[in-house]
C-alpha atoms as a PDB file:
ATOM      1  CA  GLN A   1      -9.623   4.818 -16.928  1.00  0.00           C
ATOM      2  CA  VAL A   2      -6.891   3.124 -14.940  1.00  0.00           C
ATOM      3  CA  GLN A   3      -7.968   0.998 -12.020  1.00  0.00           C
ATOM      4  CA  LEU A   4      -5.849  -0.248  -9.157  1.00  0.00           C
ATOM      5  CA  VAL A   5      -6.890  -3.686  -7.960  1.00  0.00           C
ATOM      6  CA  GLU A   6      -5.884  -4.719  -4.471  1.00  0.00           C
ATOM      7  CA  SER A   7      -5.797  -8.159  -2.936  1.00  0.00           C
ATOM      8  CA  GLY A   8      -4.426  -9.990   0.064  1.00  0.00           C
ATOM      9  CA  GLY A   9      -6.374  -8.551   2.968  1.00  0.00           C
ATOM     10  CA  GLY A  10      -8.066 -10.679   5.562  1.00  0.00           C
ATOM     11  CA  LEU A  11      -8.271 -11.714   9.193  1.00  0.00           C
ATOM     12  CA  VAL A  12      -5.143 -12.704  11.069  1.00  0.00           C
ATOM     13  CA  GLN A  13      -4.116 -13.164  14.672  1.00  0.00           C
ATOM     14  CA  THR A  14      -1.668 -10.920  16.483  1.00  0.00           C
ATOM     15  CA  GLY A  15       1.853 -11.736  15.351  1.00  0.00           C
ATOM     16  CA  GLY A  16       0.692 -13.081  12.020  1.00  0.00           C
ATOM     17  CA  SER A  17       1.561 -11.965   8.503  1.00  0.00           C
ATOM     18  CA  LEU A  18      -0.244 -10.835   5.383  1.00  0.00           C
ATOM     19  CA  ARG A  19       0.921  -9.749   1.960  1.00  0.00           C
ATOM     20  CA  LEU A  20      -1.042  -7.110   0.094  1.00  0.00           C
ATOM     21  CA  SER A  21      -0.809  -6.670  -3.668  1.00  0.00           C
ATOM     22  CA  CYS A  22      -1.948  -3.838  -5.887  1.00  0.00           C
ATOM     23  CA  ALA A  23      -1.888  -4.037  -9.669  1.00  0.00           C
ATOM     24  CA  ALA A  24      -2.823  -1.464 -12.272  1.00  0.00           C
ATOM     25  CA  SER A  25      -5.387  -2.495 -14.880  1.00  0.00           C
ATOM     26  CA  ARG A  26      -3.065  -1.244 -17.605  1.00  0.00           C
ATOM     27  CA  ASN A  27       0.376   0.293 -17.906  1.00  0.00           C
ATOM     28  CA  ILE A  28       0.838   3.664 -16.302  1.00  0.00           C
ATOM     29  CA  PHE A  29       3.778   5.690 -17.511  1.00  0.00           C
ATOM     30  CA  SER A  30       5.777   8.165 -15.462  1.00  0.00           C
ATOM     31  CA  ILE A  31       4.912   6.695 -12.063  1.00  0.00           C
ATOM     32  CA  SER A  32       6.995   8.522  -9.494  1.00  0.00           C
ATOM     33  CA  THR A  33       5.795   6.777  -6.348  1.00  0.00           C
ATOM     34  CA  MET A  34       3.818   3.713  -5.321  1.00  0.00           C
ATOM     35  CA  GLY A  35       2.540   3.553  -1.794  1.00  0.00           C
ATOM     36  CA  TRP A  36       0.145   2.270   0.810  1.00  0.00           C
ATOM     37  CA  TYR A  37      -2.153   4.161   3.135  1.00  0.00           C
ATOM     38  CA  ARG A  38      -4.589   2.920   5.743  1.00  0.00           C
ATOM     39  CA  GLN A  39      -7.724   4.143   7.422  1.00  0.00           C
ATOM     40  CA  ALA A  40      -8.848   2.787  10.755  1.00  0.00           C
ATOM     41  CA  PRO A  41     -12.449   3.215  11.959  1.00  0.00           C
ATOM     42  CA  GLY A  42     -13.074   6.779  13.045  1.00  0.00           C
ATOM     43  CA  LYS A  43      -9.678   7.993  11.880  1.00  0.00           C
ATOM     44  CA  GLN A  44      -8.295   9.768   8.858  1.00  0.00           C
ATOM     45  CA  ARG A  45      -6.405   7.994   6.127  1.00  0.00           C
ATOM     46  CA  ALA A  46      -2.742   7.749   7.112  1.00  0.00           C
ATOM     47  CA  PHE A  47       0.492   7.086   5.267  1.00  0.00           C
ATOM     48  CA  VAL A  48       2.047   3.644   5.735  1.00  0.00           C
ATOM     49  CA  GLU A  49       4.882   3.146   3.295  1.00  0.00           C
ATOM     50  CA  ALA A  50       5.975   4.205  -0.180  1.00  0.00           C
ATOM     51  CA  ILE A  51       8.599   3.413  -2.774  1.00  0.00           C
ATOM     52  CA  THR A  52       9.881   5.700  -5.487  1.00  0.00           C
ATOM     53  CA  SER A  53      10.670   4.847  -9.070  1.00  0.00           C
ATOM     54  CA  GLY A  54      14.319   4.743  -8.068  1.00  0.00           C
ATOM     55  CA  GLY A  55      13.667   2.267  -5.278  1.00  0.00           C
ATOM     56  CA  SER A  56      13.926   4.581  -2.272  1.00  0.00           C
ATOM     57  CA  THR A  57      11.462   3.809   0.489  1.00  0.00           C
ATOM     58  CA  ASP A  58       9.755   5.785   3.210  1.00  0.00           C
ATOM     59  CA  TYR A  59       7.598   4.447   5.993  1.00  0.00           C
ATOM     60  CA  ALA A  60       5.616   5.428   9.031  1.00  0.00           C
ATOM     61  CA  ASP A  61       7.349   4.909  12.366  1.00  0.00           C
ATOM     62  CA  SER A  62       4.549   2.623  13.502  1.00  0.00           C
ATOM     63  CA  VAL A  63       5.425  -0.009  10.896  1.00  0.00           C
ATOM     64  CA  LYS A  64       9.217   0.251  11.002  1.00  0.00           C
ATOM     65  CA  GLY A  65      10.849  -3.148  11.021  1.00  0.00           C
ATOM     66  CA  ARG A  66       7.537  -4.947  10.466  1.00  0.00           C
ATOM     67  CA  PHE A  67       6.267  -3.898   7.019  1.00  0.00           C
ATOM     68  CA  THR A  68       8.206  -4.010   3.766  1.00  0.00           C
ATOM     69  CA  ILE A  69       7.174  -2.467   0.468  1.00  0.00           C
ATOM     70  CA  SER A  70       8.360  -3.758  -2.895  1.00  0.00           C
ATOM     71  CA  LYS A  71       7.377  -3.324  -6.522  1.00  0.00           C
ATOM     72  CA  ASP A  72       7.436  -4.917  -9.918  1.00  0.00           C
ATOM     73  CA  ASN A  73       7.889  -2.230 -12.535  1.00  0.00           C
ATOM     74  CA  VAL A  74       7.111  -4.529 -15.442  1.00  0.00           C
ATOM     75  CA  GLN A  75       3.797  -5.636 -13.944  1.00  0.00           C
ATOM     76  CA  ASN A  76       2.977  -2.198 -12.492  1.00  0.00           C
ATOM     77  CA  THR A  77       2.414  -3.907  -9.163  1.00  0.00           C
ATOM     78  CA  VAL A  78       3.263  -2.907  -5.626  1.00  0.00           C
ATOM     79  CA  TYR A  79       3.337  -5.203  -2.611  1.00  0.00           C
ATOM     80  CA  LEU A  80       3.208  -4.712   1.133  1.00  0.00           C
ATOM     81  CA  GLN A  81       4.572  -7.519   3.263  1.00  0.00           C
ATOM     82  CA  MET A  82       3.204  -7.134   6.776  1.00  0.00           C
ATOM     83  CA  ASN A  83       4.775  -9.139   9.570  1.00  0.00           C
ATOM     84  CA  SER A  84       4.297  -9.132  13.327  1.00  0.00           C
ATOM     85  CA  LEU A  85       0.841  -7.671  12.901  1.00  0.00           C
ATOM     86  CA  LEU A  86      -0.810  -5.926  15.838  1.00  0.00           C
ATOM     87  CA  PRO A  87      -4.457  -5.143  16.570  1.00  0.00           C
ATOM     88  CA  GLU A  88      -3.714  -1.461  15.918  1.00  0.00           C
ATOM     89  CA  ASP A  89      -2.833  -2.384  12.336  1.00  0.00           C
ATOM     90  CA  THR A  90      -6.508  -3.127  11.739  1.00  0.00           C
ATOM     91  CA  ALA A  91      -7.701  -0.829   8.977  1.00  0.00           C
ATOM     92  CA  VAL A  92      -8.725  -0.590   5.364  1.00  0.00           C
ATOM     93  CA  TYR A  93      -5.543  -0.442   3.304  1.00  0.00           C
ATOM     94  CA  TYR A  94      -5.401   1.584   0.108  1.00  0.00           C
ATOM     95  CA  CYS A  95      -2.702   1.557  -2.531  1.00  0.00           C
ATOM     96  CA  ASN A  96      -1.698   4.725  -4.315  1.00  0.00           C
ATOM     97  CA  PHE A  97       0.146   5.314  -7.570  1.00  0.00           C
ATOM     98  CA  ARG A  98       1.376   8.828  -8.190  1.00  0.00           C
ATOM     99  CA  ARG A  99       2.098   9.806 -11.764  1.00  0.00           C
ATOM    100  CA  SER A 100       4.203  12.904 -12.299  1.00  0.00           C
ATOM    101  CA  VAL A 101       4.046  14.668 -15.665  1.00  0.00           C
ATOM    102  CA  LEU A 102       5.534  18.112 -16.248  1.00  0.00           C
ATOM    103  CA  ARG A 103       5.543  18.808 -12.512  1.00  0.00           C
ATOM    104  CA  VAL A 104       1.886  17.922 -12.158  1.00  0.00           C
ATOM    105  CA  ASP A 105       0.989  14.949  -9.942  1.00  0.00           C
ATOM    106  CA  TYR A 106      -1.902  12.600 -10.681  1.00  0.00           C
ATOM    107  CA  ASP A 107      -3.004  10.199  -7.966  1.00  0.00           C
ATOM    108  CA  TYR A 108      -4.639   6.827  -8.546  1.00  0.00           C
ATOM    109  CA  TRP A 109      -6.221   4.931  -5.658  1.00  0.00           C
ATOM    110  CA  GLY A 110      -7.269   1.367  -5.107  1.00  0.00           C
ATOM    111  CA  GLN A 111     -10.671   0.453  -3.724  1.00  0.00           C
ATOM    112  CA  GLY A 112      -9.264  -0.642  -0.391  1.00  0.00           C
ATOM    113  CA  THR A 113      -8.784  -4.014   1.250  1.00  0.00           C
ATOM    114  CA  GLN A 114      -9.693  -4.814   4.840  1.00  0.00           C
ATOM    115  CA  VAL A 115      -7.041  -6.037   7.234  1.00  0.00           C
ATOM    116  CA  THR A 116      -8.228  -7.207  10.621  1.00  0.00           C
ATOM    117  CA  VAL A 117      -5.851  -8.312  13.352  1.00  0.00           C
ATOM    118  CA  SER A 118      -7.421 -10.125  16.277  1.00  0.00           C
ATOM    119  CA  SER A 119      -5.933 -10.030  19.745  1.00  0.00           C
END
C-alpha cells in the first residue's frame, strides 16, 4: 500500500512563508498529476494547485502569484511553496497523486498537514 507522507505545515504570521512537501513511500508509476488540496474548518476540500507529468500547472485563483508547486520525479515528491500567507489560507492541506492506467484514474491522498496563519 502506497502512503503519501506530508510535512512542512505549522503556524505562521500573515505575510509569512511555508513550504509543504509530500513524498510517496515507494515509487508510483504512471503518475499523471500531483497536486494539493485544502480544507478549512466547516468547508469542503478545495483544489489549490496541481502539476502534470509534463510540468504544466494549474492553480486556484485565490493562490495566484503566492503559491508555487514543483516536483521531483525521481523522488516521487511534490512541493508547495506558500508565500504571502493570509489568515484565509488556514486549513488542513492534503497532497494528491493521481495515477492513470488504461484510462482509469487512481487517487492517493496524504494524511493532511495543518497550516495556520495568524493575523
